[in-house]
């Protein structure tokens, strides 16, 4: 017969906390991306109406896209720090 390893309740609670933390961080990232997508969709509708708005919308699109990339990078970095702290890697 093989040895069956059953995780202790403390280890199970720690893993549950880690999974909940990861879920919260990912949900925040998803919400940010959805909001950015909605703003870009509204800009797409405005682009159709006027050439001046087209220039403004293209500039705003670039700013929103840059913000989305920076925010996503920050969320991934924060998640990495939380995992390292939780697992005591550093």
N, C-alpha and C. Protein backbone atom coordinates (compact mmCIF):
# COMPACT_ATOMS: atom_id res chain seq x y z
N UNK A 1 0.82 -1.18 0.00
CA UNK A 1 0.00 0.00 0.00
C UNK A 1 0.87 1.25 0.00
N UNK A 2 0.44 2.24 -0.75
CA UNK A 2 1.18 3.48 -0.82
C UNK A 2 0.83 4.41 0.32
N UNK A 3 1.69 5.35 0.55
CA UNK A 3 1.49 6.34 1.60
C UNK A 3 0.60 7.45 1.05
N UNK A 4 -0.46 7.76 1.76
CA UNK A 4 -1.38 8.82 1.34
C UNK A 4 -1.10 10.03 2.20
N UNK A 5 -0.75 11.15 1.56
CA UNK A 5 -0.46 12.37 2.29
C UNK A 5 -1.72 13.23 2.34
N UNK A 6 -2.13 13.56 3.54
CA UNK A 6 -3.29 14.42 3.72
C UNK A 6 -2.78 15.76 4.25
N UNK A 7 -3.08 16.85 3.52
CA UNK A 7 -2.58 18.15 3.97
C UNK A 7 -3.21 18.55 5.30
N UNK A 8 -2.43 19.20 6.12
CA UNK A 8 -2.95 19.65 7.41
C UNK A 8 -3.98 20.76 7.19
N UNK A 9 -4.78 20.99 8.19
CA UNK A 9 -5.82 22.02 8.06
C UNK A 9 -5.19 23.41 7.94
N UNK A 10 -4.06 23.64 8.60
CA UNK A 10 -3.40 24.95 8.49
C UNK A 10 -2.91 25.18 7.07
N UNK A 11 -2.32 24.16 6.47
CA UNK A 11 -1.83 24.29 5.10
C UNK A 11 -3.01 24.49 4.14
N UNK A 12 -4.10 23.78 4.39
CA UNK A 12 -5.29 23.91 3.55
C UNK A 12 -5.86 25.32 3.66
N UNK A 13 -5.87 25.88 4.87
CA UNK A 13 -6.38 27.25 5.06
C UNK A 13 -5.48 28.26 4.35
N UNK A 14 -4.17 28.06 4.43
CA UNK A 14 -3.25 28.96 3.73
C UNK A 14 -3.45 28.92 2.23
N UNK A 15 -3.63 27.73 1.70
CA UNK A 15 -3.85 27.60 0.24
C UNK A 15 -5.19 28.23 -0.14
N UNK A 16 -6.19 28.08 0.71
CA UNK A 16 -7.49 28.69 0.44
C UNK A 16 -7.37 30.22 0.42
N UNK A 17 -6.61 30.77 1.38
CA UNK A 17 -6.38 32.22 1.40
C UNK A 17 -5.66 32.68 0.14
N UNK A 18 -4.66 31.90 -0.28
CA UNK A 18 -3.90 32.26 -1.48
C UNK A 18 -4.80 32.24 -2.71
N UNK A 19 -5.62 31.22 -2.81
CA UNK A 19 -6.52 31.12 -3.98
C UNK A 19 -7.51 32.27 -3.98
N UNK A 20 -8.05 32.63 -2.82
CA UNK A 20 -8.99 33.77 -2.75
C UNK A 20 -8.29 35.06 -3.12
N UNK A 21 -7.05 35.23 -2.67
CA UNK A 21 -6.28 36.42 -3.02
C UNK A 21 -6.07 36.51 -4.53
N UNK A 22 -5.69 35.41 -5.14
CA UNK A 22 -5.49 35.38 -6.59
C UNK A 22 -6.79 35.69 -7.31
N UNK A 23 -7.89 35.14 -6.85
CA UNK A 23 -9.18 35.40 -7.48
C UNK A 23 -9.55 36.88 -7.39
N UNK A 24 -9.33 37.50 -6.23
CA UNK A 24 -9.65 38.92 -6.07
C UNK A 24 -8.81 39.77 -7.01
N UNK A 25 -7.52 39.47 -7.10
CA UNK A 25 -6.64 40.25 -7.98
C UNK A 25 -7.03 40.09 -9.45
N UNK A 26 -7.33 38.89 -9.84
CA UNK A 26 -7.71 38.65 -11.24
C UNK A 26 -9.05 39.31 -11.54
N UNK A 27 -9.99 39.27 -10.60
CA UNK A 27 -11.29 39.94 -10.81
C UNK A 27 -11.10 41.45 -10.96
N UNK A 28 -10.18 42.05 -10.19
CA UNK A 28 -9.90 43.47 -10.34
C UNK A 28 -9.32 43.80 -11.70
N UNK A 29 -8.43 42.94 -12.17
CA UNK A 29 -7.84 43.13 -13.50
C UNK A 29 -8.90 43.00 -14.59
N UNK A 30 -9.79 42.03 -14.45
CA UNK A 30 -10.86 41.84 -15.43
C UNK A 30 -11.77 43.06 -15.46
N UNK A 31 -12.12 43.58 -14.28
CA UNK A 31 -12.99 44.77 -14.22
C UNK A 31 -12.32 45.96 -14.90
N UNK A 32 -11.03 46.14 -14.67
CA UNK A 32 -10.31 47.24 -15.30
C UNK A 32 -10.32 47.11 -16.82
N UNK A 33 -10.09 45.92 -17.32
CA UNK A 33 -10.08 45.70 -18.76
C UNK A 33 -11.47 45.91 -19.36
N UNK A 34 -12.52 45.51 -18.65
CA UNK A 34 -13.88 45.70 -19.15
C UNK A 34 -14.22 47.19 -19.21
N UNK A 35 -13.85 47.95 -18.18
CA UNK A 35 -14.13 49.38 -18.18
C UNK A 35 -13.37 50.07 -19.31
N UNK A 36 -12.13 49.69 -19.51
CA UNK A 36 -11.36 50.27 -20.62
C UNK A 36 -12.00 49.93 -21.96
N UNK A 37 -12.49 48.70 -22.10
CA UNK A 37 -13.16 48.30 -23.34
C UNK A 37 -14.43 49.10 -23.59
N UNK A 38 -15.19 49.37 -22.53
CA UNK A 38 -16.42 50.17 -22.68
C UNK A 38 -16.09 51.59 -23.11
N UNK A 39 -15.05 52.17 -22.52
CA UNK A 39 -14.64 53.52 -22.92
C UNK A 39 -14.21 53.53 -24.38
N UNK A 40 -13.47 52.53 -24.80
CA UNK A 40 -13.03 52.47 -26.20
C UNK A 40 -14.22 52.27 -27.14
N UNK A 41 -15.22 51.53 -26.70
CA UNK A 41 -16.41 51.34 -27.52
C UNK A 41 -17.16 52.66 -27.69
N UNK A 42 -17.27 53.43 -26.62
CA UNK A 42 -17.92 54.75 -26.73
C UNK A 42 -17.12 55.67 -27.66
N UNK A 43 -15.80 55.58 -27.58
CA UNK A 43 -14.97 56.39 -28.48
C UNK A 43 -15.17 55.97 -29.93
N UNK A 44 -15.35 54.70 -30.17
CA UNK A 44 -15.57 54.22 -31.53
C UNK A 44 -16.85 54.81 -32.11
N UNK A 45 -17.87 54.93 -31.28
CA UNK A 45 -19.13 55.55 -31.75
C UNK A 45 -18.91 57.02 -32.04
N UNK A 46 -18.15 57.70 -31.21
CA UNK A 46 -17.90 59.13 -31.43
C UNK A 46 -17.04 59.38 -32.67
N UNK A 47 -16.17 58.45 -33.00
CA UNK A 47 -15.30 58.61 -34.16
C UNK A 47 -16.11 58.74 -35.44
N UNK A 48 -17.22 58.06 -35.50
CA UNK A 48 -18.04 58.06 -36.71
C UNK A 48 -18.62 59.44 -37.00
N UNK A 49 -18.82 60.26 -35.99
CA UNK A 49 -19.56 61.51 -36.16
C UNK A 49 -18.73 62.70 -36.63
N UNK A 50 -17.48 62.79 -36.26
CA UNK A 50 -16.75 64.02 -36.57
C UNK A 50 -15.25 63.75 -36.73
N UNK A 51 -14.62 64.46 -37.69
CA UNK A 51 -13.17 64.29 -37.85
C UNK A 51 -12.38 64.84 -36.65
N UNK A 52 -12.86 65.93 -36.04
CA UNK A 52 -12.18 66.47 -34.87
C UNK A 52 -12.21 65.47 -33.72
N UNK A 53 -13.37 64.87 -33.55
CA UNK A 53 -13.50 63.86 -32.49
C UNK A 53 -12.62 62.66 -32.82
N UNK A 54 -12.41 62.40 -34.11
CA UNK A 54 -11.53 61.30 -34.51
C UNK A 54 -10.12 61.54 -33.99
N UNK A 55 -9.61 62.75 -34.16
CA UNK A 55 -8.27 63.05 -33.67
C UNK A 55 -8.19 62.93 -32.14
N UNK A 56 -9.18 63.48 -31.47
CA UNK A 56 -9.21 63.37 -30.01
C UNK A 56 -9.34 61.93 -29.55
N UNK A 57 -10.17 61.18 -30.25
CA UNK A 57 -10.40 59.79 -29.87
C UNK A 57 -9.16 58.94 -30.07
N UNK A 58 -8.43 59.17 -31.14
CA UNK A 58 -7.21 58.40 -31.37
C UNK A 58 -6.19 58.70 -30.27
N UNK A 59 -6.06 59.96 -29.91
CA UNK A 59 -5.15 60.31 -28.82
C UNK A 59 -5.59 59.70 -27.50
N UNK A 60 -6.88 59.76 -27.23
CA UNK A 60 -7.40 59.20 -25.99
C UNK A 60 -7.28 57.68 -25.99
N UNK A 61 -7.47 57.07 -27.15
CA UNK A 61 -7.31 55.62 -27.26
C UNK A 61 -5.88 55.21 -26.88
N UNK A 62 -4.91 55.95 -27.37
CA UNK A 62 -3.52 55.64 -27.06
C UNK A 62 -3.25 55.80 -25.57
N UNK A 63 -3.79 56.86 -24.97
CA UNK A 63 -3.62 57.08 -23.54
C UNK A 63 -4.28 55.96 -22.74
N UNK A 64 -5.49 55.58 -23.11
CA UNK A 64 -6.21 54.51 -22.40
C UNK A 64 -5.47 53.19 -22.54
N UNK A 65 -4.98 52.91 -23.73
CA UNK A 65 -4.26 51.66 -23.95
C UNK A 65 -2.98 51.62 -23.11
N UNK A 66 -2.27 52.74 -23.06
CA UNK A 66 -1.05 52.80 -22.24
C UNK A 66 -1.39 52.61 -20.77
N UNK A 67 -2.46 53.26 -20.31
CA UNK A 67 -2.90 53.10 -18.92
C UNK A 67 -3.25 51.64 -18.64
N UNK A 68 -3.95 51.01 -19.56
CA UNK A 68 -4.36 49.62 -19.38
C UNK A 68 -3.13 48.72 -19.27
N UNK A 69 -2.12 48.96 -20.07
CA UNK A 69 -0.91 48.15 -20.00
C UNK A 69 -0.17 48.36 -18.68
N UNK A 70 -0.03 49.63 -18.26
CA UNK A 70 0.64 49.91 -16.99
C UNK A 70 -0.13 49.31 -15.82
N UNK A 71 -1.46 49.45 -15.84
CA UNK A 71 -2.28 48.93 -14.75
C UNK A 71 -2.22 47.41 -14.70
N UNK A 72 -2.25 46.76 -15.87
CA UNK A 72 -2.14 45.30 -15.91
C UNK A 72 -0.79 44.85 -15.37
N UNK A 73 0.27 45.54 -15.76
CA UNK A 73 1.60 45.20 -15.26
C UNK A 73 1.68 45.38 -13.75
N UNK A 74 1.08 46.44 -13.23
CA UNK A 74 1.07 46.66 -11.79
C UNK A 74 0.30 45.56 -11.06
N UNK A 75 -0.85 45.15 -11.60
CA UNK A 75 -1.64 44.09 -10.97
C UNK A 75 -0.88 42.77 -10.95
N UNK A 76 -0.21 42.45 -12.04
CA UNK A 76 0.57 41.20 -12.09
C UNK A 76 1.73 41.27 -11.10
N UNK A 77 2.40 42.43 -11.01
CA UNK A 77 3.50 42.60 -10.07
C UNK A 77 3.01 42.47 -8.63
N UNK A 78 1.84 43.08 -8.33
CA UNK A 78 1.30 43.01 -6.97
C UNK A 78 0.92 41.57 -6.63
N UNK A 79 0.37 40.85 -7.59
CA UNK A 79 0.01 39.45 -7.37
C UNK A 79 1.27 38.62 -7.11
N UNK A 80 2.32 38.89 -7.86
CA UNK A 80 3.59 38.18 -7.67
C UNK A 80 4.14 38.43 -6.26
N UNK A 81 4.09 39.69 -5.81
CA UNK A 81 4.57 40.02 -4.47
C UNK A 81 3.74 39.31 -3.40
N UNK A 82 2.43 39.26 -3.58
CA UNK A 82 1.56 38.59 -2.61
C UNK A 82 1.86 37.10 -2.55
N UNK A 83 2.08 36.48 -3.70
CA UNK A 83 2.39 35.05 -3.72
C UNK A 83 3.74 34.79 -3.06
N UNK A 84 4.73 35.63 -3.37
CA UNK A 84 6.04 35.47 -2.74
C UNK A 84 5.95 35.65 -1.23
N UNK A 85 5.16 36.62 -0.80
CA UNK A 85 4.98 36.85 0.64
C UNK A 85 4.25 35.69 1.29
N UNK A 86 3.24 35.19 0.62
CA UNK A 86 2.45 34.08 1.17
C UNK A 86 3.28 32.81 1.26
N UNK A 87 4.07 32.54 0.24
CA UNK A 87 4.89 31.32 0.23
C UNK A 87 6.25 31.53 0.89
N UNK A 88 6.51 32.78 1.31
CA UNK A 88 7.77 33.14 1.97
C UNK A 88 8.99 32.78 1.12
N UNK A 89 8.93 33.17 -0.15
CA UNK A 89 10.03 32.88 -1.05
C UNK A 89 11.19 33.86 -0.86
N UNK A 90 10.90 35.06 -0.43
CA UNK A 90 11.95 36.05 -0.22
C UNK A 90 11.88 36.59 1.19
